[in-house]
Amino acid sequence: MGKSTEEKGPMQMGKSTEEKGPMQMDINLFELQDALDVLKEKGVSKPTKEEIEEEVQKKRGEKYGSTGSLRRKSSSNNRIKKDRN
């Protein structure tokens, strides 16, 4: 009994966190809807989980200025906008 639970336990945990992990971002429905709307505007008819999460993170970055990587992305976008003008 002890062995079987030890063998199964970590594996099941590992799989579930890998499969579900990325999507467990606690996206609320409003964020999800915003992300889907943005992706539709871009012409993405069936976005992947990654694309949706990326849009939600961008939105959160604008809202809260959260992580450094998002700040970097936004600053590079600003540079591009400046170049166009």
Protein backbone atom coordinates (compact mmCIF):
# COMPACT_ATOMS: atom_id res chain seq x y z
CA MET A 1 0.00 0.00 0.00
CA GLY A 2 2.71 2.45 0.99
CA LYS A 3 4.64 1.94 -2.22
CA SER A 4 1.67 2.35 -4.55
CA THR A 5 0.62 5.67 -3.01
CA GLU A 6 4.19 6.92 -3.16
CA GLU A 7 4.49 5.94 -6.82
CA LYS A 8 1.13 7.33 -7.90
CA GLY A 9 1.04 10.41 -5.67
CA PRO A 10 3.85 12.53 -7.06
CA MET A 11 3.14 11.48 -10.64
CA GLN A 12 -0.50 12.46 -10.44
CA MET A 13 0.40 15.68 -8.73
CA GLY A 14 3.07 16.41 -11.32
CA LYS A 15 0.77 15.74 -14.25
CA SER A 16 -2.14 17.70 -12.87
CA THR A 17 0.01 20.74 -12.07
CA GLU A 18 1.66 20.63 -15.49
CA GLU A 19 -1.61 20.23 -17.36
CA LYS A 20 -3.79 22.51 -15.26
CA GLY A 21 -1.04 24.66 -13.81
CA PRO A 22 -0.82 27.40 -16.44
CA MET A 23 -4.58 27.81 -16.63
CA GLN A 24 -4.87 28.08 -12.84
CA MET A 25 -4.00 31.74 -13.19
CA ASP A 26 -7.25 32.71 -11.44
CA ILE A 27 -8.56 34.58 -14.45
CA ASN A 28 -11.90 36.08 -13.60
CA LEU A 29 -14.66 36.14 -16.19
CA PHE A 30 -14.23 39.83 -16.97
CA GLU A 31 -10.52 39.40 -17.63
CA LEU A 32 -11.22 36.34 -19.75
CA GLN A 33 -13.85 38.18 -21.79
CA ASP A 34 -11.52 41.17 -22.31
CA ALA A 35 -8.72 38.88 -23.44
CA LEU A 36 -11.01 37.05 -25.85
CA ASP A 37 -12.30 40.33 -27.26
CA VAL A 38 -8.76 41.59 -27.84
CA LEU A 39 -7.78 38.34 -29.54
CA LYS A 40 -10.89 38.47 -31.75
CA GLU A 41 -9.93 41.97 -32.83
CA LYS A 42 -6.52 40.62 -33.79
CA GLY A 43 -8.28 38.00 -35.91
CA VAL A 44 -7.53 35.00 -33.71
CA SER A 45 -10.64 32.85 -34.00
CA LYS A 46 -9.61 30.01 -31.67
CA PRO A 47 -7.00 31.31 -29.24
CA THR A 48 -4.90 28.88 -27.22
CA LYS A 49 -4.70 28.97 -23.42
CA GLU A 50 -1.29 30.58 -23.73
CA GLU A 51 -2.61 33.39 -25.93
CA ILE A 52 -5.50 34.07 -23.56
CA GLU A 53 -3.18 34.11 -20.55
CA GLU A 54 -0.81 36.44 -22.35
CA GLU A 55 -3.60 38.93 -23.02
CA VAL A 56 -4.83 38.71 -19.42
CA GLN A 57 -1.29 39.32 -18.17
CA LYS A 58 -0.94 42.32 -20.47
CA LYS A 59 -4.22 43.71 -19.15
CA ARG A 60 -3.08 43.12 -15.57
CA GLY A 61 0.21 44.78 -16.39
CA GLU A 62 -1.62 47.88 -17.60
CA LYS A 63 -3.91 47.84 -14.59
CA TYR A 64 -1.41 47.10 -11.83
CA GLY A 65 2.00 47.54 -13.46
CA SER A 66 2.80 44.12 -12.04
CA THR A 67 5.91 42.31 -13.26
CA GLY A 68 9.12 43.62 -14.76
CA SER A 69 8.74 41.61 -17.96
CA LEU A 70 5.37 43.19 -18.64
CA ARG A 71 6.85 46.61 -18.05
CA ARG A 72 9.59 45.83 -20.52
CA LYS A 73 7.06 44.75 -23.13
CA SER A 74 4.99 47.88 -22.66
CA SER A 75 8.05 50.12 -22.88
CA SER A 76 9.11 48.50 -26.15
CA ASN A 77 5.59 49.02 -27.46
CA ASN A 78 5.83 52.67 -26.51
CA ARG A 79 9.09 52.97 -28.43
CA ILE A 80 7.48 51.49 -31.52
CA LYS A 81 4.57 53.93 -31.26
CA LYS A 82 7.01 56.84 -30.95
CA ASP A 83 8.92 55.66 -34.03
CA ARG A 84 5.74 55.58 -36.09
CA ASN A 85 4.98 59.20 -35.26
